[in-house]
Amino acid sequence: MEKPKRRWGDRKDGRLIRELDPMHFIVPLIYPNRCDNEAYISERIDLTNINAYLARRNATETDFPFTMFHIIVVALLKTITLRPKMNRFIANKNVYQRHAISAAFVVKKLFSDNGAEALAIVYSDPTDNIDSLRAKLYKQISSCRSDALDRSSDSMDILNKMPRFLSKFLVYLITKLDKHGWCPEFLIGSDPYYSSALLTNLGSIKLKSGYHHLTNWGTCSIFCVVGERKNNPFFNQDGTFEMRDSVDLGLTIDERIADGYYYAKTVRLFKKLLENPELLELPLSEPVEY
């Protein structure tokens, strides 16, 4: 994505929003910490259409099958593309519009108590769709499951090997750099807390969805928790119900970047994309009626 011409006050990863209304200008000054401004939203998604879509797409796919998690990642990226305020972040009491749109997640190299973890981040373009993003996901996941460390983990490993007093002092300096957006790329290049949205697939380890905090480190304003899929009742208007395969999602959002009305429409769009996954075959920037 082409970056706009940088002006005084902009960061390398975002443009300073200068046209804010009074309330959204004042709130970051009063409440400067991201962790103090979390809004939690829970949604249950009917997987009937997703299951049918996956069966169709995977009929001839064996090397890297489409999964529910792929659909959730792409739906979230399309939602952020079409709802640009969701790609804002607050740093040093200022509101910025992020240049890139990205989704990050942790990849478990081996499902065991001692299995290592790697950090993955996928960047999207307006022309991307589920097919091109699946290819990017495949590349990221394959790289994470190799023996090589990602850049952020490699940097953390260097700090881990230093004397404690020195590593603590360096981390103190790094947090000051983070505040102003001056952290070097080798430290944050694959840091999930510098992405548009961070996802965790708790369903893959048989856990329910739930709340997960944001962090004051980095710039990430959205955390999405994917729970374990289960049969749950879905009620009809006449009071009858059907048991359907479903998954619960937990969204933690920095409430300072937009208002409740904007969030409500954003969640409706996200849910519409998940329940109609064929819409993800369109380019991310193509509008959707919802």
Protein backbone atom coordinates (compact mmCIF):
# COMPACT_ATOMS: atom_id res chain seq x y z
CA MET A 1 0.00 0.00 0.00
CA GLU A 2 1.40 3.42 -1.00
CA LYS A 3 2.09 5.67 1.98
CA PRO A 4 0.93 9.31 1.91
CA LYS A 5 3.55 12.04 2.04
CA ARG A 6 4.88 12.21 5.60
CA ARG A 7 4.11 15.40 7.54
CA TRP A 8 5.32 16.73 10.88
CA GLY A 9 3.76 14.62 13.63
CA ASP A 10 3.32 11.50 11.48
CA ARG A 11 5.00 8.21 12.33
CA LYS A 12 6.67 5.76 9.97
CA ASP A 13 3.75 3.34 10.54
CA GLY A 14 0.85 5.79 10.67
CA ARG A 15 -0.56 9.22 9.79
CA LEU A 16 -1.49 11.59 12.61
CA ILE A 17 -5.26 12.22 12.55
CA ARG A 18 -5.64 16.00 12.62
CA GLU A 19 -9.39 16.25 11.95
CA LEU A 20 -10.69 14.62 15.16
CA ASP A 21 -13.88 15.74 16.91
CA PRO A 22 -13.34 17.26 20.39
CA MET A 23 -14.25 14.10 22.34
CA HIS A 24 -11.92 11.78 20.43
CA PHE A 25 -9.16 14.38 20.77
CA ILE A 26 -9.56 14.74 24.55
CA VAL A 27 -10.09 11.07 25.52
CA PRO A 28 -6.48 9.90 24.77
CA LEU A 29 -5.20 12.82 26.83
CA ILE A 30 -7.30 11.78 29.82
CA TYR A 31 -6.93 8.00 29.33
CA PRO A 32 -3.51 7.46 27.72
CA ASN A 33 -3.16 3.70 28.36
CA ARG A 34 -4.62 1.16 25.93
CA CYS A 35 -5.28 -1.39 28.67
CA ASP A 36 -7.52 1.10 30.49
CA ASN A 37 -9.79 1.49 27.45
CA GLU A 38 -10.84 -2.01 26.46
CA ALA A 39 -14.29 -2.80 25.11
CA TYR A 40 -15.16 -6.51 24.97
CA ILE A 41 -17.64 -7.93 22.44
CA SER A 42 -18.71 -11.58 22.22
CA GLU A 43 -20.33 -13.12 19.12
CA ARG A 44 -21.52 -16.64 18.30
CA ILE A 45 -21.13 -17.62 14.65
CA ASP A 46 -23.27 -20.27 12.92
CA LEU A 47 -20.83 -22.47 10.98
CA THR A 48 -23.36 -24.06 8.63
CA ASN A 49 -22.31 -22.00 5.60
CA ILE A 50 -18.61 -22.10 6.49
CA ASN A 51 -18.68 -25.91 6.71
CA ALA A 52 -20.35 -26.14 3.29
CA TYR A 53 -17.85 -23.67 1.82
CA LEU A 54 -14.85 -25.56 3.24
CA ALA A 55 -16.19 -28.86 1.90
CA ARG A 56 -16.48 -27.36 -1.58
CA ARG A 57 -13.09 -25.64 -1.60
CA ASN A 58 -11.25 -28.64 -0.09
CA ALA A 59 -12.77 -31.24 -2.41
CA THR A 60 -9.58 -31.16 -4.49
CA GLU A 61 -7.19 -29.47 -2.04
CA THR A 62 -4.87 -31.70 -0.03
CA ASP A 63 -1.55 -29.85 0.41
CA PHE A 64 -2.85 -26.87 2.43
CA PRO A 65 -6.63 -27.15 2.96
CA PHE A 66 -8.78 -24.13 3.70
CA THR A 67 -9.71 -23.94 7.38
CA MET A 68 -12.17 -22.03 9.54
CA PHE A 69 -9.26 -20.01 10.93
CA HIS A 70 -8.26 -18.89 7.41
CA ILE A 71 -11.81 -17.64 6.84
CA ILE A 72 -11.84 -15.74 10.15
CA VAL A 73 -8.49 -14.07 9.38
CA VAL A 74 -9.58 -13.01 5.88
CA ALA A 75 -13.00 -11.83 7.10
CA LEU A 76 -11.33 -9.69 9.75
CA LEU A 77 -8.89 -8.19 7.22
CA LYS A 78 -11.77 -7.37 4.84
CA THR A 79 -13.73 -5.83 7.71
CA ILE A 80 -10.80 -3.60 8.65
CA THR A 81 -10.31 -2.64 4.98
CA LEU A 82 -13.94 -1.56 4.64
CA ARG A 83 -14.10 0.03 8.13
CA PRO A 84 -10.87 2.09 8.18
CA LYS A 85 -11.30 3.54 11.68
CA MET A 86 -10.66 0.00 12.97
CA ASN A 87 -7.12 0.40 11.64
CA ARG A 88 -6.38 3.33 13.91
CA PHE A 89 -4.17 3.26 16.99
CA ILE A 90 -3.25 5.60 19.82
CA ALA A 91 0.36 6.23 20.83
CA ASN A 92 1.79 8.98 23.04
CA LYS A 93 -1.79 10.37 23.46
CA ASN A 94 -2.18 10.89 19.68
CA VAL A 95 -4.51 9.09 17.23
CA TYR A 96 -2.96 7.64 14.07
CA GLN A 97 -4.28 5.97 10.92
CA ARG A 98 -2.11 2.92 10.26
CA HIS A 99 -0.54 2.74 6.79
CA ALA A 100 -0.71 -1.06 6.41
CA ILE A 101 -3.42 -3.59 7.24
CA SER A 102 -2.18 -6.75 8.92
CA ALA A 103 -3.22 -9.72 11.02
CA ALA A 104 -0.89 -11.49 13.45
CA PHE A 105 -1.02 -14.75 15.35
CA VAL A 106 1.16 -17.18 17.26
CA VAL A 107 2.06 -20.49 15.62
CA LYS A 108 2.71 -23.48 17.90
CA LYS A 109 5.53 -25.49 16.34
CA LEU A 110 4.60 -28.65 18.22
CA PHE A 111 1.47 -29.38 20.29
CA SER A 112 3.27 -30.33 23.51
CA ASP A 113 4.07 -28.71 26.86
CA ASN A 114 7.57 -27.91 25.64
CA GLY A 115 6.62 -27.00 22.07
CA ALA A 116 8.11 -23.67 20.95
CA GLU A 117 6.07 -20.79 19.59
CA ALA A 118 6.74 -18.46 16.67
CA LEU A 119 5.22 -15.10 15.75
CA ALA A 120 3.58 -14.65 12.36
CA ILE A 121 2.17 -11.56 10.67
CA VAL A 122 0.32 -11.33 7.33
CA TYR A 123 -0.01 -8.05 5.41
CA SER A 124 -2.94 -7.55 3.05
CA ASP A 125 -3.47 -5.43 -0.05
CA PRO A 126 -6.84 -4.02 -1.22
CA THR A 127 -6.77 -6.42 -4.19
CA ASP A 128 -6.24 -9.53 -2.03
CA ASN A 129 -8.96 -12.14 -1.53
CA ILE A 130 -9.16 -15.46 0.30
CA ASP A 131 -7.05 -17.25 -2.32
CA SER A 132 -4.12 -14.82 -2.30
CA LEU A 133 -4.23 -14.45 1.49
CA ARG A 134 -4.31 -18.22 1.96
CA ALA A 135 -1.05 -18.36 -0.03
CA LYS A 136 0.46 -15.72 2.28
CA LEU A 137 -0.76 -17.65 5.33
CA TYR A 138 0.81 -20.84 3.97
CA LYS A 139 4.15 -19.08 3.54
CA GLN A 140 4.04 -17.61 7.06
CA ILE A 141 2.96 -20.81 8.81
CA SER A 142 5.54 -22.91 6.95
CA SER A 143 8.28 -20.47 7.93
CA CYS A 144 7.14 -20.44 11.58
CA ARG A 145 7.20 -24.23 11.83
CA SER A 146 10.78 -24.41 10.63
CA ASP A 147 13.71 -24.36 13.07
CA ALA A 148 14.52 -20.70 12.33
CA LEU A 149 13.53 -17.97 14.80
CA ASP A 150 11.42 -15.04 13.59
CA ARG A 151 13.03 -11.59 13.89
CA SER A 152 11.24 -10.55 17.09
CA SER A 153 11.91 -13.87 18.84
CA ASP A 154 15.56 -13.67 17.77
CA SER A 155 15.84 -10.16 19.28
CA MET A 156 14.17 -11.28 22.51
CA ASP A 157 16.55 -14.24 22.69
CA ILE A 158 19.53 -11.84 22.59
CA LEU A 159 18.08 -9.87 25.52
CA ASN A 160 17.42 -13.12 27.37
CA LYS A 161 21.12 -14.06 27.21
CA MET A 162 22.33 -10.74 28.64
CA PRO A 163 22.90 -10.01 32.35
CA ARG A 164 19.54 -9.14 33.92
CA PHE A 165 20.48 -5.57 34.87
CA LEU A 166 21.52 -4.82 31.28
CA SER A 167 18.49 -6.44 29.64
CA LYS A 168 16.13 -4.56 32.02
CA PHE A 169 17.83 -1.26 31.19
CA LEU A 170 17.64 -1.94 27.44
CA VAL A 171 13.96 -2.88 27.68
CA TYR A 172 13.36 0.40 29.54
CA LEU A 173 14.99 2.30 26.65
CA ILE A 174 13.04 0.29 24.07
CA THR A 175 9.72 1.14 25.75
CA LYS A 176 10.62 4.83 25.47
CA LEU A 177 11.36 4.36 21.77
CA ASP A 178 8.04 2.49 21.38
CA LYS A 179 6.15 5.47 22.80
CA HIS A 180 7.35 7.68 19.94
CA GLY A 181 7.38 5.06 17.18
CA TRP A 182 11.16 4.92 17.01
CA CYS A 183 11.68 1.19 17.59
CA PRO A 184 14.03 -0.29 14.96
CA GLU A 185 12.53 -2.70 12.45
CA PHE A 186 14.66 -5.66 13.57
CA LEU A 187 12.95 -5.50 16.98
CA ILE A 188 9.33 -5.17 15.86
CA GLY A 189 9.31 -6.51 12.29
CA SER A 190 7.28 -9.59 13.27
CA ASP A 191 5.91 -8.32 16.58
CA PRO A 192 2.17 -9.14 16.64
CA TYR A 193 1.47 -6.15 18.87
CA TYR A 194 2.35 -3.85 15.97
CA SER A 195 -0.35 -5.35 13.72
CA SER A 196 -3.87 -4.15 12.95
CA ALA A 197 -5.36 -7.18 14.71
CA LEU A 198 -3.98 -10.05 16.76
CA LEU A 199 -5.78 -13.41 16.72
CA THR A 200 -5.47 -16.47 18.90
CA ASN A 201 -7.07 -19.79 17.97
CA LEU A 202 -7.88 -21.27 21.38
CA GLY A 203 -10.16 -23.80 19.72
CA SER A 204 -7.07 -25.57 18.36
CA ILE A 205 -6.10 -26.42 21.95
CA LYS A 206 -9.68 -27.22 23.05
CA LEU A 207 -10.37 -24.02 25.00
CA LYS A 208 -13.45 -21.82 25.01
CA SER A 209 -13.42 -18.28 23.69
CA GLY A 210 -13.04 -15.49 26.21
CA TYR A 211 -11.63 -12.09 27.01
CA HIS A 212 -7.99 -11.29 26.25
CA HIS A 213 -6.41 -7.97 27.20
CA LEU A 214 -4.75 -5.51 24.87
CA THR A 215 -1.26 -4.20 25.70
CA ASN A 216 0.24 -0.75 26.21
CA TRP A 217 3.26 -1.95 24.22
CA GLY A 218 2.96 -1.62 20.45
CA THR A 219 0.01 -0.27 18.47
CA CYS A 220 -2.49 -3.15 18.14
CA SER A 221 -6.08 -2.02 18.81
CA ILE A 222 -7.95 -5.31 18.17
CA PHE A 223 -7.61 -8.76 19.76
CA CYS A 224 -9.75 -11.63 18.42
CA VAL A 225 -10.09 -14.88 20.38
CA VAL A 226 -11.41 -17.92 18.46
CA GLY A 227 -12.95 -20.56 20.72
CA GLU A 228 -13.62 -24.27 20.36
CA ARG A 229 -16.38 -25.20 17.93
CA LYS A 230 -19.44 -26.81 19.53
CA ASN A 231 -23.11 -27.53 18.89
CA ASN A 232 -25.26 -24.76 20.35
CA PRO A 233 -28.98 -23.89 20.16
CA PHE A 234 -30.10 -21.25 17.65
CA PHE A 235 -33.63 -19.97 18.33
CA ASN A 236 -36.28 -19.18 15.72
CA GLN A 237 -38.84 -16.38 16.08
CA ASP A 238 -41.56 -18.86 17.10
CA GLY A 239 -39.49 -20.06 20.07
CA THR A 240 -38.31 -23.32 18.52
CA PHE A 241 -34.60 -23.97 18.18
CA GLU A 242 -32.07 -26.00 16.21
CA MET A 243 -28.71 -27.33 17.36
CA ARG A 244 -26.01 -26.12 14.97
CA ASP A 245 -22.24 -26.29 14.74
CA SER A 246 -20.94 -22.92 15.93
CA VAL A 247 -17.94 -21.05 17.27
CA ASP A 248 -17.72 -18.22 19.81
CA LEU A 249 -15.52 -15.22 19.08
CA GLY A 250 -14.28 -12.68 21.63
CA LEU A 251 -13.26 -9.24 20.39
CA THR A 252 -11.33 -6.83 22.60
CA ILE A 253 -11.13 -3.35 21.05
CA ASP A 254 -9.57 -0.05 22.06
CA GLU A 255 -12.75 1.99 22.61
CA ARG A 256 -10.95 5.29 21.94
CA ILE A 257 -10.47 4.76 18.19
CA ALA A 258 -14.18 5.00 17.27
CA ASP A 259 -17.66 5.13 18.84
CA GLY A 260 -20.24 2.46 19.72
CA TYR A 261 -22.27 2.98 16.53
CA TYR A 262 -19.18 2.43 14.39
CA TYR A 263 -18.30 -0.71 16.35
CA ALA A 264 -21.84 -2.09 16.03
CA LYS A 265 -21.80 -1.75 12.22
CA THR A 266 -18.29 -3.21 12.12
CA VAL A 267 -19.35 -6.32 14.05
CA ARG A 268 -22.40 -6.75 11.79
CA LEU A 269 -20.15 -6.65 8.72
CA PHE A 270 -17.69 -9.13 10.27
CA LYS A 271 -20.53 -11.52 11.10
CA LYS A 272 -22.05 -11.13 7.60
CA LEU A 273 -18.71 -12.10 6.00
CA LEU A 274 -18.30 -15.13 8.26
CA GLU A 275 -21.80 -16.40 7.58
CA ASN A 276 -21.38 -15.81 3.82
CA PRO A 277 -17.77 -16.86 3.15
CA GLU A 278 -18.15 -16.73 -0.63
CA LEU A 279 -17.97 -12.92 -0.23
CA LEU A 280 -14.32 -13.39 0.71
CA GLU A 281 -13.56 -14.40 -2.89
CA LEU A 282 -14.09 -10.72 -3.77
CA PRO A 283 -11.20 -8.24 -3.39
CA LEU A 284 -10.91 -6.93 0.18
CA SER A 285 -11.72 -3.40 -0.97
CA GLU A 286 -14.97 -4.36 -2.75
CA PRO A 287 -17.95 -3.13 -0.66
CA VAL A 288 -20.50 -5.54 0.81
CA GLU A 289 -24.15 -4.86 1.66
CA TYR A 290 -24.89 -5.58 5.30
